[in-house]
Amino acid sequence: MLTTNRLSIAGTVCRTPIKKVSPSGIAHCQFVLEHRSQQQESGFSRKTWCRMPVVISGRQSHIFTQTIIVGSQITVRGFISCHQGRNGLSKLVLHAEQIELIDSGD
């Protein structure tokens, strides 16, 4: 069985982070990250774009997310998993293990 599941992506927080505590007392923070870039594919330049839901859980969620607001530019590293929504549709979600603010240079 293959076990590699790592993703690192930079982008802009485009939805207000929602902080919750589960009934078992575990803190969770959810937000959406928007990524835009130019990538090279088969020798051609290609514009890329995506929006990805991000969740971070546990004590680290408070540490990493206390300064994140809509418009924050960040890099997120973690693993992806499939979550089933209330509508029955599945979506990929990035489970963050590390979040870094990108210095805008201002």
PDB file of N, CA and C in Angstrom:
ATOM      1  N   MET A   1       0.834  -1.179   0.000  1.00  0.00           N
ATOM      2  CA  MET A   1       0.000   0.000   0.000  1.00  0.00           C
ATOM      3  C   MET A   1       0.881   1.246   0.000  1.00  0.00           C
ATOM      4  N   LEU A   2       0.575   2.201  -0.867  1.00  0.00           N
ATOM      5  CA  LEU A   2       1.308   3.459  -0.920  1.00  0.00           C
ATOM      6  C   LEU A   2       0.874   4.346   0.237  1.00  0.00           C
ATOM      7  N   THR A   3       1.822   5.078   0.814  1.00  0.00           N
ATOM      8  CA  THR A   3       1.475   5.900   1.971  1.00  0.00           C
ATOM      9  C   THR A   3       1.811   7.371   1.796  1.00  0.00           C
ATOM     10  N   THR A   4       2.455   7.762   0.701  1.00  0.00           N
ATOM     11  CA  THR A   4       2.827   9.157   0.520  1.00  0.00           C
ATOM     12  C   THR A   4       1.581  10.000   0.237  1.00  0.00           C
ATOM     13  N   ASN A   5       1.390  11.035   1.042  1.00  0.00           N
ATOM     14  CA  ASN A   5       0.252  11.943   0.884  1.00  0.00           C
ATOM     15  C   ASN A   5       0.677  13.278   1.486  1.00  0.00           C
ATOM     16  N   ARG A   6       1.364  14.103   0.722  1.00  0.00           N
ATOM     17  CA  ARG A   6       1.882  15.383   1.188  1.00  0.00           C
ATOM     18  C   ARG A   6       1.504  16.459   0.184  1.00  0.00           C
ATOM     19  N   LEU A   7       1.103  17.617   0.676  1.00  0.00           N
ATOM     20  CA  LEU A   7       0.779  18.733  -0.191  1.00  0.00           C
ATOM     21  C   LEU A   7       1.293  20.007   0.449  1.00  0.00           C
ATOM     22  N   SER A   8       1.928  20.839  -0.354  1.00  0.00           N
ATOM     23  CA  SER A   8       2.354  22.171   0.061  1.00  0.00           C
ATOM     24  C   SER A   8       1.820  23.140  -0.976  1.00  0.00           C
ATOM     25  N   ILE A   9       1.046  24.141  -0.523  1.00  0.00           N
ATOM     26  CA  ILE A   9       0.440  25.072  -1.446  1.00  0.00           C
ATOM     27  C   ILE A   9       0.390  26.454  -0.802  1.00  0.00           C
ATOM     28  N   ALA A  10       0.645  27.467  -1.617  1.00  0.00           N
ATOM     29  CA  ALA A  10       0.578  28.856  -1.151  1.00  0.00           C
ATOM     30  C   ALA A  10      -0.640  29.510  -1.767  1.00  0.00           C
ATOM     31  N   GLY A  11      -1.216  30.446  -1.024  1.00  0.00           N
ATOM     32  CA  GLY A  11      -2.375  31.144  -1.549  1.00  0.00           C
ATOM     33  C   GLY A  11      -2.878  32.194  -0.582  1.00  0.00           C
ATOM     34  N   THR A  12      -4.090  32.639  -0.862  1.00  0.00           N
ATOM     35  CA  THR A  12      -4.730  33.692  -0.083  1.00  0.00           C
ATOM     36  C   THR A  12      -5.978  33.138   0.587  1.00  0.00           C
ATOM     37  N   VAL A  13      -6.129  33.438   1.872  1.00  0.00           N
ATOM     38  CA  VAL A  13      -7.328  33.029   2.598  1.00  0.00           C
ATOM     39  C   VAL A  13      -8.503  33.815   2.012  1.00  0.00           C
ATOM     40  N   CYS A  14      -9.525  33.115   1.513  1.00  0.00           N
ATOM     41  CA  CYS A  14     -10.629  33.801   0.830  1.00  0.00           C
ATOM     42  C   CYS A  14     -11.966  33.653   1.552  1.00  0.00           C
ATOM     43  N   ARG A  15     -12.004  32.936   2.658  1.00  0.00           N
ATOM     44  CA  ARG A  15     -13.211  32.857   3.490  1.00  0.00           C
ATOM     45  C   ARG A  15     -12.799  32.977   4.949  1.00  0.00           C
ATOM     46  N   THR A  16     -13.625  33.667   5.714  1.00  0.00           N
ATOM     47  CA  THR A  16     -13.329  33.882   7.125  1.00  0.00           C
ATOM     48  C   THR A  16     -13.127  32.555   7.845  1.00  0.00           C
ATOM     49  N   PRO A  17     -12.004  32.406   8.569  1.00  0.00           N
ATOM     50  CA  PRO A  17     -11.782  31.168   9.324  1.00  0.00           C
ATOM     51  C   PRO A  17     -12.891  30.953  10.357  1.00  0.00           C
ATOM     52  N   ILE A  18     -13.362  29.718  10.440  1.00  0.00           N
ATOM     53  CA  ILE A  18     -14.395  29.330  11.402  1.00  0.00           C
ATOM     54  C   ILE A  18     -13.723  28.455  12.456  1.00  0.00           C
ATOM     55  N   LYS A  19     -13.784  28.914  13.698  1.00  0.00           N
ATOM     56  CA  LYS A  19     -13.169  28.165  14.792  1.00  0.00           C
ATOM     57  C   LYS A  19     -14.262  27.488  15.601  1.00  0.00           C
ATOM     58  N   LYS A  20     -14.060  26.196  15.867  1.00  0.00           N
ATOM     59  CA  LYS A  20     -15.025  25.396  16.622  1.00  0.00           C
ATOM     60  C   LYS A  20     -14.273  24.488  17.586  1.00  0.00           C
ATOM     61  N   VAL A  21     -14.990  24.012  18.570  1.00  0.00           N
ATOM     62  CA  VAL A  21     -14.457  23.001  19.479  1.00  0.00           C
ATOM     63  C   VAL A  21     -15.415  21.816  19.426  1.00  0.00           C
ATOM     64  N   SER A  22     -14.882  20.631  19.175  1.00  0.00           N
ATOM     65  CA  SER A  22     -15.719  19.432  19.081  1.00  0.00           C
ATOM     66  C   SER A  22     -16.249  19.054  20.467  1.00  0.00           C
ATOM     67  N   PRO A  23     -17.281  18.215  20.516  1.00  0.00           N
ATOM     68  CA  PRO A  23     -17.794  17.764  21.811  1.00  0.00           C
ATOM     69  C   PRO A  23     -16.726  17.095  22.683  1.00  0.00           C
ATOM     70  N   SER A  24     -15.700  16.541  22.042  1.00  0.00           N
ATOM     71  CA  SER A  24     -14.620  15.902  22.814  1.00  0.00           C
ATOM     72  C   SER A  24     -13.540  16.903  23.227  1.00  0.00           C
ATOM     73  N   GLY A  25     -13.750  18.200  22.905  1.00  0.00           N
ATOM     74  CA  GLY A  25     -12.826  19.241  23.356  1.00  0.00           C
ATOM     75  C   GLY A  25     -11.673  19.546  22.419  1.00  0.00           C
ATOM     76  N   ILE A  26     -11.724  19.033  21.206  1.00  0.00           N
ATOM     77  CA  ILE A  26     -10.647  19.278  20.247  1.00  0.00           C
ATOM     78  C   ILE A  26     -10.979  20.524  19.428  1.00  0.00           C
ATOM     79  N   ALA A  27     -10.024  21.456  19.387  1.00  0.00           N
ATOM     80  CA  ALA A  27     -10.205  22.699  18.624  1.00  0.00           C
ATOM     81  C   ALA A  27      -9.985  22.424  17.141  1.00  0.00           C
ATOM     82  N   HIS A  28     -10.825  23.046  16.299  1.00  0.00           N
ATOM     83  CA  HIS A  28     -10.715  22.938  14.848  1.00  0.00           C
ATOM     84  C   HIS A  28     -10.848  24.330  14.253  1.00  0.00           C
ATOM     85  N   CYS A  29     -10.143  24.582  13.171  1.00  0.00           N
ATOM     86  CA  CYS A  29     -10.306  25.825  12.422  1.00  0.00           C
ATOM     87  C   CYS A  29     -10.407  25.452  10.950  1.00  0.00           C
ATOM     88  N   GLN A  30     -11.422  26.012  10.278  1.00  0.00           N
ATOM     89  CA  GLN A  30     -11.652  25.725   8.863  1.00  0.00           C
ATOM     90  C   GLN A  30     -11.663  27.039   8.091  1.00  0.00           C
ATOM     91  N   PHE A  31     -11.040  27.019   6.906  1.00  0.00           N
ATOM     92  CA  PHE A  31     -11.072  28.176   6.016  1.00  0.00           C
ATOM     93  C   PHE A  31     -10.841  27.686   4.600  1.00  0.00           C
ATOM     94  N   VAL A  32     -10.927  28.587   3.640  1.00  0.00           N
ATOM     95  CA  VAL A  32     -10.709  28.226   2.238  1.00  0.00           C
ATOM     96  C   VAL A  32      -9.514  29.010   1.725  1.00  0.00           C
ATOM     97  N   LEU A  33      -8.619  28.329   1.039  1.00  0.00           N
ATOM     98  CA  LEU A  33      -7.416  28.918   0.466  1.00  0.00           C
ATOM     99  C   LEU A  33      -7.572  28.988  -1.050  1.00  0.00           C
ATOM    100  N   GLU A  34      -7.281  30.144  -1.625  1.00  0.00           N
ATOM    101  CA  GLU A  34      -7.307  30.301  -3.083  1.00  0.00           C
ATOM    102  C   GLU A  34      -5.871  30.405  -3.588  1.00  0.00           C
ATOM    103  N   HIS A  35      -5.548  29.571  -4.570  1.00  0.00           N
ATOM    104  CA  HIS A  35      -4.205  29.537  -5.170  1.00  0.00           C
ATOM    105  C   HIS A  35      -4.302  29.966  -6.630  1.00  0.00           C
ATOM    106  N   ARG A  36      -3.399  30.849  -7.030  1.00  0.00           N
ATOM    107  CA  ARG A  36      -3.268  31.242  -8.438  1.00  0.00           C
ATOM    108  C   ARG A  36      -1.789  31.291  -8.776  1.00  0.00           C
ATOM    109  N   SER A  37      -1.419  30.703  -9.908  1.00  0.00           N
ATOM    110  CA  SER A  37      -0.012  30.744 -10.321  1.00  0.00           C
ATOM    111  C   SER A  37       0.106  30.429 -11.804  1.00  0.00           C
ATOM    112  N   GLN A  38       1.314  30.520 -12.306  1.00  0.00           N
ATOM    113  CA  GLN A  38       1.675  30.097 -13.668  1.00  0.00           C
ATOM    114  C   GLN A  38       2.595  28.901 -13.513  1.00  0.00           C
ATOM    115  N   GLN A  39       2.300  27.824 -14.193  1.00  0.00           N
ATOM    116  CA  GLN A  39       3.104  26.608 -14.127  1.00  0.00           C
ATOM    117  C   GLN A  39       3.538  26.228 -15.533  1.00  0.00           C
ATOM    118  N   GLN A  40       4.622  25.481 -15.611  1.00  0.00           N
ATOM    119  CA  GLN A  40       5.113  24.984 -16.888  1.00  0.00           C
ATOM    120  C   GLN A  40       4.642  23.547 -17.070  1.00  0.00           C
ATOM    121  N   GLU A  41       4.061  23.284 -18.234  1.00  0.00           N
ATOM    122  CA  GLU A  41       3.595  21.941 -18.551  1.00  0.00           C
ATOM    123  C   GLU A  41       3.911  21.656 -20.008  1.00  0.00           C
ATOM    124  N   SER A  42       4.702  20.629 -20.258  1.00  0.00           N
ATOM    125  CA  SER A  42       5.094  20.237 -21.622  1.00  0.00           C
ATOM    126  C   SER A  42       5.685  21.416 -22.400  1.00  0.00           C
ATOM    127  N   GLY A  43       6.449  22.248 -21.687  1.00  0.00           N
ATOM    128  CA  GLY A  43       7.111  23.370 -22.338  1.00  0.00           C
ATOM    129  C   GLY A  43       6.237  24.597 -22.529  1.00  0.00           C
ATOM    130  N   PHE A  44       5.015  24.570 -22.055  1.00  0.00           N
ATOM    131  CA  PHE A  44       4.105  25.702 -22.199  1.00  0.00           C
ATOM    132  C   PHE A  44       3.759  26.282 -20.833  1.00  0.00           C
ATOM    133  N   SER A  45       3.536  27.575 -20.807  1.00  0.00           N
ATOM    134  CA  SER A  45       3.113  28.246 -19.589  1.00  0.00           C
ATOM    135  C   SER A  45       1.599  28.098 -19.448  1.00  0.00           C
ATOM    136  N   ARG A  46       1.169  27.751 -18.240  1.00  0.00           N
ATOM    137  CA  ARG A  46      -0.255  27.508 -18.006  1.00  0.00           C
ATOM    138  C   ARG A  46      -0.686  28.212 -16.724  1.00  0.00           C
ATOM    139  N   LYS A  47      -1.786  28.968 -16.803  1.00  0.00           N
ATOM    140  CA  LYS A  47      -2.335  29.586 -15.604  1.00  0.00           C
ATOM    141  C   LYS A  47      -3.078  28.521 -14.812  1.00  0.00           C
ATOM    142  N   THR A  48      -2.835  28.493 -13.500  1.00  0.00           N
ATOM    143  CA  THR A  48      -3.522  27.538 -12.643  1.00  0.00           C
ATOM    144  C   THR A  48      -4.294  28.287 -11.572  1.00  0.00           C
ATOM    145  N   TRP A  49      -5.396  27.683 -11.141  1.00  0.00           N
ATOM    146  CA  TRP A  49      -6.244  28.288 -10.127  1.00  0.00           C
ATOM    147  C   TRP A  49      -7.024  27.197  -9.427  1.00  0.00           C
ATOM    148  N   CYS A  50      -7.157  27.328  -8.111  1.00  0.00           N
ATOM    149  CA  CYS A  50      -8.033  26.418  -7.375  1.00  0.00           C
ATOM    150  C   CYS A  50      -8.392  27.046  -6.037  1.00  0.00           C
ATOM    151  N   ARG A  51      -9.477  26.571  -5.480  1.00  0.00           N
ATOM    152  CA  ARG A  51      -9.869  26.897  -4.109  1.00  0.00           C
ATOM    153  C   ARG A  51      -9.918  25.572  -3.366  1.00  0.00           C
ATOM    154  N   MET A  52      -9.293  25.552  -2.193  1.00  0.00           N
ATOM    155  CA  MET A  52      -9.234  24.312  -1.437  1.00  0.00           C
ATOM    156  C   MET A  52      -9.624  24.559   0.017  1.00  0.00           C
ATOM    157  N   PRO A  53     -10.576  23.774   0.525  1.00  0.00           N
ATOM    158  CA  PRO A  53     -10.895  23.863   1.944  1.00  0.00           C
ATOM    159  C   PRO A  53      -9.707  23.354   2.766  1.00  0.00           C
ATOM    160  N   VAL A  54      -9.451  24.038   3.876  1.00  0.00           N
ATOM    161  CA  VAL A  54      -8.352  23.666   4.768  1.00  0.00           C
ATOM    162  C   VAL A  54      -8.926  23.503   6.168  1.00  0.00           C
ATOM    163  N   VAL A  55      -8.463  22.494   6.881  1.00  0.00           N
ATOM    164  CA  VAL A  55      -8.831  22.314   8.275  1.00  0.00           C
ATOM    165  C   VAL A  55      -7.557  22.054   9.068  1.00  0.00           C
ATOM    166  N   ILE A  56      -7.467  22.646  10.236  1.00  0.00           N
ATOM    167  CA  ILE A  56      -6.354  22.364  11.144  1.00  0.00           C
ATOM    168  C   ILE A  56      -6.959  22.086  12.507  1.00  0.00           C
ATOM    169  N   SER A  57      -6.462  21.056  13.172  1.00  0.00           N
ATOM    170  CA  SER A  57      -7.082  20.591  14.420  1.00  0.00           C
ATOM    171  C   SER A  57      -6.069  20.497  15.543  1.00  0.00           C
ATOM    172  N   GLY A  58      -6.590  20.480  16.759  1.00  0.00           N
ATOM    173  CA  GLY A  58      -5.758  20.312  17.944  1.00  0.00           C
ATOM    174  C   GLY A  58      -5.221  21.641  18.454  1.00  0.00           C
ATOM    175  N   ARG A  59      -4.309  21.559  19.409  1.00  0.00           N
ATOM    176  CA  ARG A  59      -3.737  22.758  20.017  1.00  0.00           C
ATOM    177  C   ARG A  59      -3.065  23.657  18.995  1.00  0.00           C
ATOM    178  N   GLN A  60      -2.469  23.050  17.976  1.00  0.00           N
ATOM    179  CA  GLN A  60      -1.768  23.844  16.967  1.00  0.00           C
ATOM    180  C   GLN A  60      -2.713  24.733  16.168  1.00  0.00           C
ATOM    181  N   SER A  61      -3.999  24.400  16.139  1.00  0.00           N
ATOM    182  CA  SER A  61      -4.935  25.216  15.363  1.00  0.00           C
ATOM    183  C   SER A  61      -4.978  26.635  15.898  1.00  0.00           C
ATOM    184  N   HIS A  62      -4.946  26.799  17.201  1.00  0.00           N
ATOM    185  CA  HIS A  62      -4.963  28.149  17.791  1.00  0.00           C
ATOM    186  C   HIS A  62      -3.650  28.873  17.501  1.00  0.00           C
ATOM    187  N   ILE A  63      -2.544  28.185  17.631  1.00  0.00           N
ATOM    188  CA  ILE A  63      -1.228  28.791  17.408  1.00  0.00           C
ATOM    189  C   ILE A  63      -1.098  29.293  15.975  1.00  0.00           C
ATOM    190  N   PHE A  64      -1.473  28.463  14.996  1.00  0.00           N
ATOM    191  CA  PHE A  64      -1.278  28.801  13.589  1.00  0.00           C
ATOM    192  C   PHE A  64      -2.323  29.769  13.044  1.00  0.00           C
ATOM    193  N   THR A  65      -3.495  29.831  13.651  1.00  0.00           N
ATOM    194  CA  THR A  65      -4.578  30.587  13.021  1.00  0.00           C
ATOM    195  C   THR A  65      -4.973  31.871  13.741  1.00  0.00           C
ATOM    196  N   GLN A  66      -4.306  32.233  14.824  1.00  0.00           N
ATOM    197  CA  GLN A  66      -4.743  33.411  15.560  1.00  0.00           C
ATOM    198  C   GLN A  66      -4.576  34.705  14.778  1.00  0.00           C
ATOM    199  N   THR A  67      -3.708  34.756  13.777  1.00  0.00           N
ATOM    200  CA  THR A  67      -3.519  35.987  12.995  1.00  0.00           C
ATOM    201  C   THR A  67      -4.036  35.875  11.562  1.00  0.00           C
ATOM    202  N   ILE A  68      -4.662  34.761  11.230  1.00  0.00           N
ATOM    203  CA  ILE A  68      -5.154  34.570   9.858  1.00  0.00           C
ATOM    204  C   ILE A  68      -6.518  35.229   9.690  1.00  0.00           C
ATOM    205  N   ILE A  69      -6.618  36.063   8.659  1.00  0.00           N
ATOM    206  CA  ILE A  69      -7.880  36.710   8.294  1.00  0.00           C
ATOM    207  C   ILE A  69      -8.040  36.611   6.785  1.00  0.00           C
ATOM    208  N   VAL A  70      -9.218  36.958   6.273  1.00  0.00           N
ATOM    209  CA  VAL A  70      -9.422  36.988   4.827  1.00  0.00           C
ATOM    210  C   VAL A  70      -8.375  37.930   4.231  1.00  0.00           C
ATOM    211  N   GLY A  71      -7.701  37.481   3.195  1.00  0.00           N
ATOM    212  CA  GLY A  71      -6.656  38.267   2.551  1.00  0.00           C
ATOM    213  C   GLY A  71      -5.252  37.884   2.979  1.00  0.00           C
ATOM    214  N   SER A  72      -5.120  37.117   4.067  1.00  0.00           N
ATOM    215  CA  SER A  72      -3.784  36.669   4.501  1.00  0.00           C
ATOM    216  C   SER A  72      -3.180  35.767   3.435  1.00  0.00           C
ATOM    217  N   GLN A  73      -1.915  36.000   3.139  1.00  0.00           N
ATOM    218  CA  GLN A  73      -1.198  35.131   2.207  1.00  0.00           C
ATOM    219  C   GLN A  73      -0.377  34.151   3.029  1.00  0.00           C
ATOM    220  N   ILE A  74      -0.613  32.853   2.782  1.00  0.00           N
ATOM    221  CA  ILE A  74      -0.010  31.816   3.602  1.00  0.00           C
ATOM    222  C   ILE A  74       0.476  30.651   2.743  1.00  0.00           C
ATOM    223  N   THR A  75       1.329  29.848   3.339  1.00  0.00           N
ATOM    224  CA  THR A  75       1.711  28.556   2.778  1.00  0.00           C
ATOM    225  C   THR A  75       1.227  27.497   3.755  1.00  0.00           C
ATOM    226  N   VAL A  76       0.559  26.493   3.228  1.00  0.00           N
ATOM    227  CA  VAL A  76       0.019  25.414   4.052  1.00  0.00           C
ATOM    228  C   VAL A  76       0.672  24.104   3.625  1.00  0.00           C
ATOM    229  N   ARG A  77       1.094  23.319   4.611  1.00  0.00           N
ATOM    230  CA  ARG A  77       1.646  21.990   4.353  1.00  0.00           C
ATOM    231  C   ARG A  77       0.851  20.976   5.172  1.00  0.00           C
ATOM    232  N   GLY A  78       0.533  19.847   4.537  1.00  0.00           N
ATOM    233  CA  GLY A  78      -0.213  18.810   5.237  1.00  0.00           C
ATOM    234  C   GLY A  78      -0.555  17.665   4.310  1.00  0.00           C
ATOM    235  N   PHE A  79      -1.690  17.039   4.559  1.00  0.00           N
ATOM    236  CA  PHE A  79      -2.129  15.907   3.737  1.00  0.00           C
ATOM    237  C   PHE A  79      -3.566  16.155   3.291  1.00  0.00           C
ATOM    238  N   ILE A  80      -3.967  15.487   2.225  1.00  0.00           N
ATOM    239  CA  ILE A  80      -5.326  15.642   1.722  1.00  0.00           C
ATOM    240  C   ILE A  80      -6.150  14.409   2.067  1.00  0.00           C
ATOM    241  N   SER A  81      -7.454  14.669   2.253  1.00  0.00           N
ATOM    242  CA  SER A  81      -8.402  13.594   2.539  1.00  0.00           C
ATOM    243  C   SER A  81      -9.739  13.977   1.913  1.00  0.00           C
ATOM    244  N   CYS A  82     -10.566  12.999   1.701  1.00  0.00           N
ATOM    245  CA  CYS A  82     -11.872  13.221   1.105  1.00  0.00           C
ATOM    246  C   CYS A  82     -12.913  13.364   2.218  1.00  0.00           C
ATOM    247  N   HIS A  83     -13.710  14.424   2.143  1.00  0.00           N
ATOM    248  CA  HIS A  83     -14.809  14.636   3.091  1.00  0.00           C
ATOM    249  C   HIS A  83     -16.119  14.601   2.327  1.00  0.00           C
ATOM    250  N   GLN A  84     -17.111  13.988   2.909  1.00  0.00           N
ATOM    251  CA  GLN A  84     -18.424  13.951   2.279  1.00  0.00           C
ATOM    252  C   GLN A  84     -19.296  15.041   2.897  1.00  0.00           C
ATOM    253  N   GLY A  85     -19.836  15.900   2.042  1.00  0.00           N
ATOM    254  CA  GLY A  85     -20.679  16.990   2.493  1.00  0.00           C
ATOM    255  C   GLY A  85     -22.088  16.525   2.806  1.00  0.00           C
ATOM    256  N   ARG A  86     -22.870  17.440   3.362  1.00  0.00           N
ATOM    257  CA  ARG A  86     -24.264  17.125   3.697  1.00  0.00           C
ATOM    258  C   ARG A  86     -25.065  16.744   2.453  1.00  0.00           C
ATOM    259  N   ASN A  87     -24.632  17.257   1.295  1.00  0.00           N
ATOM    260  CA  ASN A  87     -25.330  16.966   0.038  1.00  0.00           C
ATOM    261  C   ASN A  87     -24.921  15.619  -0.560  1.00  0.00           C
ATOM    262  N   GLY A  88     -24.015  14.923   0.116  1.00  0.00           N
ATOM    263  CA  GLY A  88     -23.582  13.613  -0.354  1.00  0.00           C
ATOM    264  C   GLY A  88     -22.407  13.654  -1.313  1.00  0.00           C
ATOM    265  N   LEU A  89     -22.012  14.866  -1.744  1.00  0.00           N
ATOM    266  CA  LEU A  89     -20.882  14.989  -2.653  1.00  0.00           C
ATOM    267  C   LEU A  89     -19.569  15.000  -1.880  1.00  0.00           C
ATOM    268  N   SER A  90     -18.545  14.402  -2.467  1.00  0.00           N
ATOM    269  CA  SER A  90     -17.233  14.360  -1.843  1.00  0.00           C
ATOM    270  C   SER A  90     -16.375  15.516  -2.321  1.00  0.00           C
ATOM    271  N   LYS A  91     -15.483  15.989  -1.440  1.00  0.00           N
ATOM    272  CA  LYS A  91     -14.537  17.030  -1.825  1.00  0.00           C
ATOM    273  C   LYS A  91     -13.214  16.758  -1.128  1.00  0.00           C
ATOM    274  N   LEU A  92     -12.130  17.187  -1.784  1.00  0.00           N
ATOM    275  CA  LEU A  92     -10.808  17.073  -1.172  1.00  0.00           C
ATOM    276  C   LEU A  92     -10.631  18.198  -0.170  1.00  0.00           C
ATOM    277  N   VAL A  93     -10.073  17.872   0.988  1.00  0.00           N
ATOM    278  CA  VAL A  93      -9.795  18.845   2.036  1.00  0.00           C
ATOM    279  C   VAL A  93      -8.331  18.687   2.436  1.00  0.00           C
ATOM    280  N   LEU A  94      -7.643  19.821   2.569  1.00  0.00           N
ATOM    281  CA  LEU A  94      -6.252  19.817   3.022  1.00  0.00           C
ATOM    282  C   LEU A  94      -6.238  19.881   4.544  1.00  0.00           C
ATOM    283  N   HIS A  95      -5.690  18.874   5.182  1.00  0.00           N
ATOM    284  CA  HIS A  95      -5.531  18.849   6.633  1.00  0.00           C
ATOM    285  C   HIS A  95      -4.152  19.429   6.941  1.00  0.00           C
ATOM    286  N   ALA A  96      -4.147  20.653   7.434  1.00  0.00           N
ATOM    287  CA  ALA A  96      -2.901  21.380   7.647  1.00  0.00           C
ATOM    288  C   ALA A  96      -2.143  20.848   8.854  1.00  0.00           C
ATOM    289  N   GLU A  97      -0.859  20.725   8.681  1.00  0.00           N
ATOM    290  CA  GLU A  97       0.033  20.381   9.782  1.00  0.00           C
ATOM    291  C   GLU A  97       0.965  21.552  10.084  1.00  0.00           C
ATOM    292  N   GLN A  98       1.138  22.425   9.101  1.00  0.00           N
ATOM    293  CA  GLN A  98       1.980  23.608   9.275  1.00  0.00           C
ATOM    294  C   GLN A  98       1.426  24.734   8.414  1.00  0.00           C
ATOM    295  N   ILE A  99       1.361  25.933   8.987  1.00  0.00           N
ATOM    296  CA  ILE A  99       0.907  27.120   8.271  1.00  0.00           C
ATOM    297  C   ILE A  99       1.926  28.225   8.511  1.00  0.00           C
ATOM    298  N   GLU A 100       2.342  28.886   7.431  1.00  0.00           N
ATOM    299  CA  GLU A 100       3.289  30.000   7.540  1.00  0.00           C
ATOM    300  C   GLU A 100       2.721  31.217   6.831  1.00  0.00           C
ATOM    301  N   LEU A 101       2.776  32.368   7.490  1.00  0.00           N
ATOM    302  CA  LEU A 101       2.406  33.611   6.838  1.00  0.00           C
ATOM    303  C   LEU A 101       3.473  33.981   5.843  1.00  0.00           C
ATOM    304  N   ILE A 102       3.076  34.468   4.664  1.00  0.00           N
ATOM    305  CA  ILE A 102       4.019  34.929   3.640  1.00  0.00           C
ATOM    306  C   ILE A 102       4.229  36.408   3.862  1.00  0.00           C
ATOM    307  N   ASP A 103       5.466  36.809   4.038  1.00  0.00           N
ATOM    308  CA  ASP A 103       5.786  38.221   4.246  1.00  0.00           C
ATOM    309  C   ASP A 103       5.544  38.983   2.965  1.00  0.00           C
ATOM    310  N   SER A 104       4.658  39.992   3.029  1.00  0.00           N
ATOM    311  CA  SER A 104       4.316  40.760   1.837  1.00  0.00           C
ATOM    312  C   SER A 104       5.378  41.792   1.486  1.00  0.00           C
ATOM    313  N   GLY A 105       6.339  42.006   2.381  1.00  0.00           N
ATOM    314  CA  GLY A 105       7.405  42.975   2.117  1.00  0.00           C
ATOM    315  C   GLY A 105       7.059  44.379   2.492  1.00  0.00           C
ATOM    316  N   ASP A 106       5.840  44.609   3.018  1.00  0.00           N
ATOM    317  CA  ASP A 106       5.429  45.959   3.431  1.00  0.00           C
ATOM    318  C   ASP A 106       6.046  46.342   4.754  1.00  0.00           C
TER     319      ASP A 106
END
